[in-house]
């Protein structure tokens, strides 16, 4: 069934098919382009005043405060070899040489929950909660690990929280100067170890630095700027659907024992920070977790988004009800309003 939508006079009629999804991506782009013309000035002012927040988190005594002091060029926070010196989340505004402003948030070291509970310190409990709140209100998280120390289970727990909150991330390997006899091969082995043990953040860039010597600390800001930009990026609907079609052509969804196979009608990006993509399909249950991970990897390899988590939502087409409504009408009533809501 072919539906021709009559848009304003400067547009030619746009043919679409609600059953197959043909042309619906172009339709959404046109609708969104018209909606932007009616937005007020408040949104523009908000974007102009937007200052990205970078939370510096990690286990105790990995050099979080030293990194902040090295970035701002002065001692804003107390540095001590005694772990637990920083008790509160401290906000510091920082301006780069090109005039870009950032809000740096130094946080208390995050120990294992069992260790915090056994210590019985109310102060430390509150400090850890403030550190997690700092992750929640940040745009980019710099996860700091110590070069000479092994990646621990607690590092992975913090990484899980970063991914769950949908924050962009930069893995910072501090005290890199303490590694003896460094060469390209040892750096490669170290990175492989970090990737394996922090696999939930396999999309995050890694920066090696030494805060006490000020070596390569500026690379943290450069990496943070890149991942924050990717977290706020919107992919065109036509390009997105092309990537999805190529991914499906290379590896179609698996068939069930009954011979059923998942079918993707079209895909659209519903949100940013983090980038969120909605797949409109015949039945979401026909897409197993392995195939969803494959689709996420293809999106990353073909469309980018380094340094930020992405969300994939799968929406099933509604079945015809007992009154005999067609599947096409059911699809229009369930999909079109939700897309309008996403656009607004």
Protein backbone atom coordinates (compact mmCIF):
# COMPACT_ATOMS: atom_id res chain seq x y z
CA UNK A 1 0.00 0.00 0.00
CA UNK A 2 1.40 3.39 -1.01
CA UNK A 3 0.66 6.57 0.89
CA UNK A 4 1.52 9.97 -0.58
CA UNK A 5 1.93 12.74 1.99
CA UNK A 6 1.35 16.30 0.82
CA UNK A 7 3.91 18.44 2.61
CA UNK A 8 4.25 22.25 2.28
CA UNK A 9 4.43 23.67 -1.22
CA UNK A 10 8.22 23.82 -1.36
CA UNK A 11 8.34 20.02 -0.97
CA UNK A 12 7.35 17.54 -3.63
CA UNK A 13 5.00 14.67 -2.63
CA UNK A 14 6.82 12.03 -0.61
CA UNK A 15 5.87 8.39 -1.27
CA UNK A 16 6.12 6.08 1.75
CA UNK A 17 5.02 2.57 2.71
CA UNK A 18 4.05 2.06 6.34
CA UNK A 19 4.21 -1.74 5.99
CA UNK A 20 7.76 -1.97 4.66
CA UNK A 21 9.01 1.31 6.13
CA UNK A 22 10.12 2.63 2.74
CA UNK A 23 10.58 6.41 2.79
CA UNK A 24 9.72 6.81 6.49
CA UNK A 25 13.26 7.85 7.38
CA UNK A 26 13.18 10.72 4.89
CA UNK A 27 9.74 11.67 6.22
CA UNK A 28 11.07 11.90 9.78
CA UNK A 29 13.98 14.08 8.64
CA UNK A 30 11.56 16.49 6.92
CA UNK A 31 9.23 16.64 9.94
CA UNK A 32 12.12 17.32 12.32
CA UNK A 33 13.55 20.01 10.04
CA UNK A 34 10.20 21.84 10.16
CA UNK A 35 9.90 21.49 13.94
CA UNK A 36 13.28 23.16 14.44
CA UNK A 37 11.94 26.30 12.77
CA UNK A 38 9.46 26.76 15.63
CA UNK A 39 11.90 26.31 18.50
CA UNK A 40 12.35 29.32 20.75
CA UNK A 41 15.57 31.13 21.57
CA UNK A 42 15.83 29.58 25.03
CA UNK A 43 17.26 26.35 23.62
CA UNK A 44 19.93 28.28 21.72
CA UNK A 45 20.97 30.19 24.82
CA UNK A 46 21.13 26.95 26.78
CA UNK A 47 23.50 25.43 24.21
CA UNK A 48 25.68 28.54 24.26
CA UNK A 49 25.97 28.42 28.07
CA UNK A 50 26.52 24.67 28.13
CA UNK A 51 29.75 23.75 29.94
CA UNK A 52 30.73 20.06 29.74
CA UNK A 53 31.44 18.48 33.13
CA UNK A 54 34.30 16.00 33.51
CA UNK A 55 34.24 13.80 36.62
CA UNK A 56 37.60 12.35 37.69
CA UNK A 57 36.89 9.03 39.42
CA UNK A 58 38.73 5.90 40.51
CA UNK A 59 39.95 3.92 43.45
CA UNK A 60 41.74 5.71 46.33
CA UNK A 61 45.26 7.06 45.80
CA UNK A 62 45.46 6.66 42.01
CA UNK A 63 46.24 10.36 41.50
CA UNK A 64 42.85 11.95 40.79
CA UNK A 65 43.61 15.17 42.68
CA UNK A 66 47.09 15.37 41.13
CA UNK A 67 45.52 15.20 37.67
CA UNK A 68 43.12 18.04 38.48
CA UNK A 69 45.96 20.20 39.85
CA UNK A 70 48.08 19.47 36.76
CA UNK A 71 45.22 20.43 34.44
CA UNK A 72 44.43 23.76 36.11
CA UNK A 73 48.11 24.58 36.72
CA UNK A 74 47.80 25.17 40.46
CA UNK A 75 47.08 23.30 43.68
CA UNK A 76 43.29 23.42 43.91
CA UNK A 77 42.99 20.20 45.89
CA UNK A 78 45.09 18.63 48.61
CA UNK A 79 47.44 15.85 47.44
CA UNK A 80 48.68 13.27 49.93
CA UNK A 81 50.06 9.71 49.79
CA UNK A 82 47.46 8.84 52.41
CA UNK A 83 44.43 7.38 50.66
CA UNK A 84 41.08 9.02 51.36
CA UNK A 85 42.39 12.60 51.57
CA UNK A 86 39.65 13.87 49.24
CA UNK A 87 36.29 13.54 50.99
CA UNK A 88 33.93 15.59 48.86
CA UNK A 89 33.25 16.12 45.15
CA UNK A 90 34.99 19.41 44.30
CA UNK A 91 33.95 21.41 41.21
CA UNK A 92 36.57 23.50 39.43
CA UNK A 93 36.05 25.53 36.26
CA UNK A 94 38.82 25.18 33.71
CA UNK A 95 39.38 27.05 30.43
CA UNK A 96 41.59 25.65 27.66
CA UNK A 97 43.91 27.74 25.50
CA UNK A 98 41.28 27.87 22.74
CA UNK A 99 38.69 29.30 25.17
CA UNK A 100 36.63 26.16 25.75
CA UNK A 101 35.31 25.93 29.30
CA UNK A 102 35.01 22.71 31.30
CA UNK A 103 33.87 21.86 34.79
CA UNK A 104 36.28 19.45 36.47
CA UNK A 105 34.91 17.37 39.35
CA UNK A 106 37.46 15.80 41.69
CA UNK A 107 35.93 12.93 43.67
CA UNK A 108 36.76 10.76 46.64
CA UNK A 109 38.31 7.35 46.03
CA UNK A 110 35.73 4.61 45.60
CA UNK A 111 36.51 1.46 47.59
CA UNK A 112 34.63 -1.82 47.54
CA UNK A 113 31.25 -1.68 49.26
CA UNK A 114 32.31 -4.41 51.71
CA UNK A 115 35.46 -2.49 52.65
CA UNK A 116 33.48 0.70 53.24
CA UNK A 117 30.91 -1.16 55.35
CA UNK A 118 33.58 -2.92 57.44
CA UNK A 119 35.32 0.39 58.13
CA UNK A 120 32.09 1.74 59.59
CA UNK A 121 32.90 5.30 58.52
CA UNK A 122 29.85 7.42 57.81
CA UNK A 123 32.09 10.04 56.22
CA UNK A 124 33.50 7.58 53.69
CA UNK A 125 30.04 6.24 52.91
CA UNK A 126 28.82 9.75 52.11
CA UNK A 127 31.97 10.45 50.08
CA UNK A 128 31.37 7.40 47.88
CA UNK A 129 27.75 8.41 47.36
CA UNK A 130 28.88 11.90 46.30
CA UNK A 131 31.36 10.32 43.87
CA UNK A 132 28.56 8.31 42.25
CA UNK A 133 26.40 11.45 42.09
CA UNK A 134 29.31 13.22 40.38
CA UNK A 135 29.26 10.51 37.69
CA UNK A 136 25.53 11.02 37.25
CA UNK A 137 25.78 14.79 36.78
CA UNK A 138 28.84 14.69 34.52
CA UNK A 139 29.08 14.49 30.74
CA UNK A 140 32.45 12.75 30.56
CA UNK A 141 34.05 10.50 33.16
CA UNK A 142 37.83 10.15 33.41
CA UNK A 143 38.32 6.72 34.98
CA UNK A 144 41.78 6.84 36.56
CA UNK A 145 43.79 3.65 37.13
CA UNK A 146 47.34 3.31 38.43
CA UNK A 147 49.89 2.01 35.94
CA UNK A 148 51.80 -0.25 38.37
CA UNK A 149 48.63 -1.67 39.95
CA UNK A 150 46.58 -4.36 38.28
CA UNK A 151 43.06 -3.65 37.09
CA UNK A 152 40.84 -4.83 39.93
CA UNK A 153 37.25 -5.94 40.29
CA UNK A 154 36.49 -2.56 41.84
CA UNK A 155 37.72 -0.80 38.69
CA UNK A 156 35.28 -2.94 36.72
CA UNK A 157 32.45 -2.05 39.13
CA UNK A 158 33.12 1.65 38.57
CA UNK A 159 33.24 1.04 34.81
CA UNK A 160 29.83 -0.67 35.02
CA UNK A 161 28.38 2.39 36.77
CA UNK A 162 29.77 4.69 34.05
CA UNK A 163 28.22 2.58 31.28
CA UNK A 164 24.92 2.27 33.15
CA UNK A 165 24.69 6.06 33.54
CA UNK A 166 25.30 6.48 29.79
CA UNK A 167 28.35 8.72 30.22
CA UNK A 168 31.20 9.25 27.80
CA UNK A 169 34.45 7.93 29.21
CA UNK A 170 38.23 8.25 28.94
CA UNK A 171 40.38 5.64 30.67
CA UNK A 172 43.37 7.43 32.21
CA UNK A 173 46.43 5.34 33.09
CA UNK A 174 48.24 7.55 35.59
CA UNK A 175 51.81 7.23 36.96
CA UNK A 176 52.94 5.90 33.58
CA UNK A 177 56.46 7.07 34.42
CA UNK A 178 56.72 4.30 37.04
CA UNK A 179 56.67 1.58 34.36
CA UNK A 180 60.32 0.58 33.71
CA UNK A 181 61.75 -0.11 30.25
CA UNK A 182 58.67 0.99 28.34
CA UNK A 183 58.49 0.35 24.60
CA UNK A 184 55.84 -0.04 21.93
CA UNK A 185 55.39 -3.74 22.62
CA UNK A 186 54.93 -3.30 26.37
CA UNK A 187 52.42 -0.53 25.76
CA UNK A 188 50.47 -2.82 23.43
CA UNK A 189 50.42 -5.61 26.01
CA UNK A 190 49.29 -3.20 28.71
CA UNK A 191 46.46 -1.90 26.55
CA UNK A 192 45.32 -5.44 25.77
CA UNK A 193 45.19 -6.16 29.50
CA UNK A 194 43.14 -3.03 30.16
CA UNK A 195 40.75 -3.84 27.29
CA UNK A 196 40.26 -7.38 28.55
CA UNK A 197 39.63 -6.46 32.19
CA UNK A 198 37.52 -3.37 31.41
CA UNK A 199 35.72 -4.94 28.43
CA UNK A 200 32.51 -3.12 29.27
CA UNK A 201 34.35 0.07 28.24
CA UNK A 202 35.97 -1.36 25.11
CA UNK A 203 34.78 1.75 23.23
CA UNK A 204 36.64 4.20 25.54
CA UNK A 205 40.00 5.72 24.49
CA UNK A 206 43.02 5.21 26.75
CA UNK A 207 45.35 8.05 27.76
CA UNK A 208 48.72 7.42 29.43
CA UNK A 209 50.03 10.22 31.62
CA UNK A 210 52.03 11.19 34.67
CA UNK A 211 50.28 13.85 36.76
CA UNK A 212 53.24 14.59 39.04
CA UNK A 213 55.47 15.38 36.04
CA UNK A 214 52.67 16.97 34.00
CA UNK A 215 53.41 14.55 31.17
CA UNK A 216 50.59 14.09 28.59
CA UNK A 217 47.95 15.41 31.02
CA UNK A 218 46.63 17.73 28.31
CA UNK A 219 45.71 14.65 26.28
CA UNK A 220 42.95 13.96 28.83
CA UNK A 221 41.14 17.16 27.85
CA UNK A 222 41.65 16.49 24.13
CA UNK A 223 40.20 12.99 24.49
CA UNK A 224 37.34 14.27 26.69
CA UNK A 225 36.43 16.91 24.09
CA UNK A 226 36.32 14.25 21.36
CA UNK A 227 34.13 11.77 23.26
CA UNK A 228 31.77 14.52 24.48
CA UNK A 229 31.26 15.59 20.87
CA UNK A 230 30.54 12.00 19.84
CA UNK A 231 28.07 11.61 22.73
CA UNK A 232 26.17 14.63 21.40
CA UNK A 233 26.30 13.61 17.72
CA UNK A 234 23.16 12.89 15.71
CA UNK A 235 23.34 10.56 12.73
CA UNK A 236 21.19 11.26 9.68
CA UNK A 237 18.28 8.85 9.27
CA UNK A 238 19.14 7.96 5.69
CA UNK A 239 22.78 7.19 6.60
CA UNK A 240 21.67 5.24 9.66
CA UNK A 241 19.28 3.06 7.67
CA UNK A 242 21.94 2.46 5.03
CA UNK A 243 24.33 1.20 7.72
CA UNK A 244 21.61 -1.05 9.15
CA UNK A 245 20.70 -2.46 5.73
CA UNK A 246 24.34 -3.27 4.98
CA UNK A 247 24.71 -4.94 8.38
CA UNK A 248 21.62 -7.08 7.75
CA UNK A 249 22.79 -7.98 4.23
CA UNK A 250 26.14 -9.11 5.63
CA UNK A 251 24.57 -11.09 8.48
CA UNK A 252 20.77 -11.58 8.46
CA UNK A 253 18.95 -12.20 11.73
CA UNK A 254 18.86 -15.92 12.64
CA UNK A 255 15.79 -18.03 11.99
CA UNK A 256 13.88 -19.64 14.82
CA UNK A 257 13.07 -23.34 14.89
CA UNK A 258 9.67 -22.49 13.49
CA UNK A 259 11.27 -20.75 10.52
CA UNK A 260 10.53 -17.19 11.65
CA UNK A 261 13.10 -14.46 11.11
CA UNK A 262 13.35 -10.94 12.45
CA UNK A 263 12.78 -8.08 10.04
CA UNK A 264 13.86 -4.46 10.49
CA UNK A 265 11.47 -1.97 8.89
CA UNK A 266 13.47 1.15 9.63
CA UNK A 267 15.69 2.75 12.27
CA UNK A 268 15.88 6.25 13.68
CA UNK A 269 17.98 8.05 16.27
CA UNK A 270 15.71 9.05 19.11
CA UNK A 271 18.10 10.89 21.43
CA UNK A 272 21.65 12.01 22.16
CA UNK A 273 23.74 11.96 25.35
CA UNK A 274 23.96 9.01 24.96
CA UNK A 275 23.08 8.30 21.31
CA UNK A 276 19.91 6.19 21.32
CA UNK A 277 18.62 4.31 18.28
CA UNK A 278 15.16 2.80 17.86
CA UNK A 279 14.73 -0.24 15.61
CA UNK A 280 11.17 -0.76 14.40
CA UNK A 281 10.85 -4.49 13.73
CA UNK A 282 8.22 -7.17 13.18
CA UNK A 283 8.95 -8.88 16.52
CA UNK A 284 11.68 -7.82 18.96
CA UNK A 285 11.83 -11.35 20.40
CA UNK A 286 13.25 -12.61 17.09
CA UNK A 287 16.46 -10.63 17.67
CA UNK A 288 18.63 -12.47 20.24
CA UNK A 289 21.19 -10.70 22.40
CA UNK A 290 24.06 -11.93 20.23
CA UNK A 291 22.54 -10.29 17.16
CA UNK A 292 21.89 -7.06 19.04
CA UNK A 293 25.55 -6.94 20.09
CA UNK A 294 26.52 -7.55 16.47
CA UNK A 295 24.36 -4.63 15.35
CA UNK A 296 25.93 -2.36 17.98
CA UNK A 297 29.43 -3.32 16.79
CA UNK A 298 28.46 -2.64 13.17
CA UNK A 299 27.06 0.76 14.11
CA UNK A 300 30.31 1.61 15.86
CA UNK A 301 32.56 0.33 13.08
CA UNK A 302 30.60 2.02 10.28
CA UNK A 303 29.24 5.15 11.99
CA UNK A 304 31.77 5.89 14.73
CA UNK A 305 30.68 7.02 18.23
CA UNK A 306 34.02 6.32 19.98
CA UNK A 307 34.17 7.07 23.68
CA UNK A 308 30.43 6.95 24.34
CA UNK A 309 27.93 4.20 25.10
CA UNK A 310 25.08 3.81 22.64
CA UNK A 311 21.61 2.48 23.31
CA UNK A 312 19.66 0.24 20.93
CA UNK A 313 15.90 -0.05 21.51
CA UNK A 314 13.85 -2.65 19.64
CA UNK A 315 10.16 -1.93 19.05
CA UNK A 316 7.76 -4.60 17.81
CA UNK A 317 4.97 -3.88 15.35
CA UNK A 318 1.58 -4.22 17.00
CA UNK A 319 -0.52 -7.17 15.93
CA UNK A 320 -4.01 -6.70 14.44
CA UNK A 321 -6.69 -6.62 17.13
CA UNK A 322 -9.84 -8.75 17.24
CA UNK A 323 -11.85 -6.06 15.47
CA UNK A 324 -9.95 -6.84 12.30
CA UNK A 325 -7.87 -3.71 11.97
CA UNK A 326 -5.10 -4.13 9.43
CA UNK A 327 -1.49 -4.49 10.51
CA UNK A 328 -0.71 -1.34 8.51
CA UNK A 329 -3.17 0.75 10.55
CA UNK A 330 -1.84 -0.77 13.73
CA UNK A 331 1.68 0.17 12.73
CA UNK A 332 0.71 3.76 11.98
CA UNK A 333 -1.09 4.21 15.29
CA UNK A 334 1.78 2.77 17.33
CA UNK A 335 4.81 4.18 15.53
CA UNK A 336 3.93 7.58 14.12
CA UNK A 337 2.78 9.18 17.43
CA UNK A 338 5.84 7.86 19.27
CA UNK A 339 8.12 9.30 16.62
CA UNK A 340 6.37 12.65 16.83
CA UNK A 341 6.86 12.54 20.58
CA UNK A 342 10.53 11.78 20.13
CA UNK A 343 10.89 14.65 17.70
CA UNK A 344 9.26 17.13 20.03
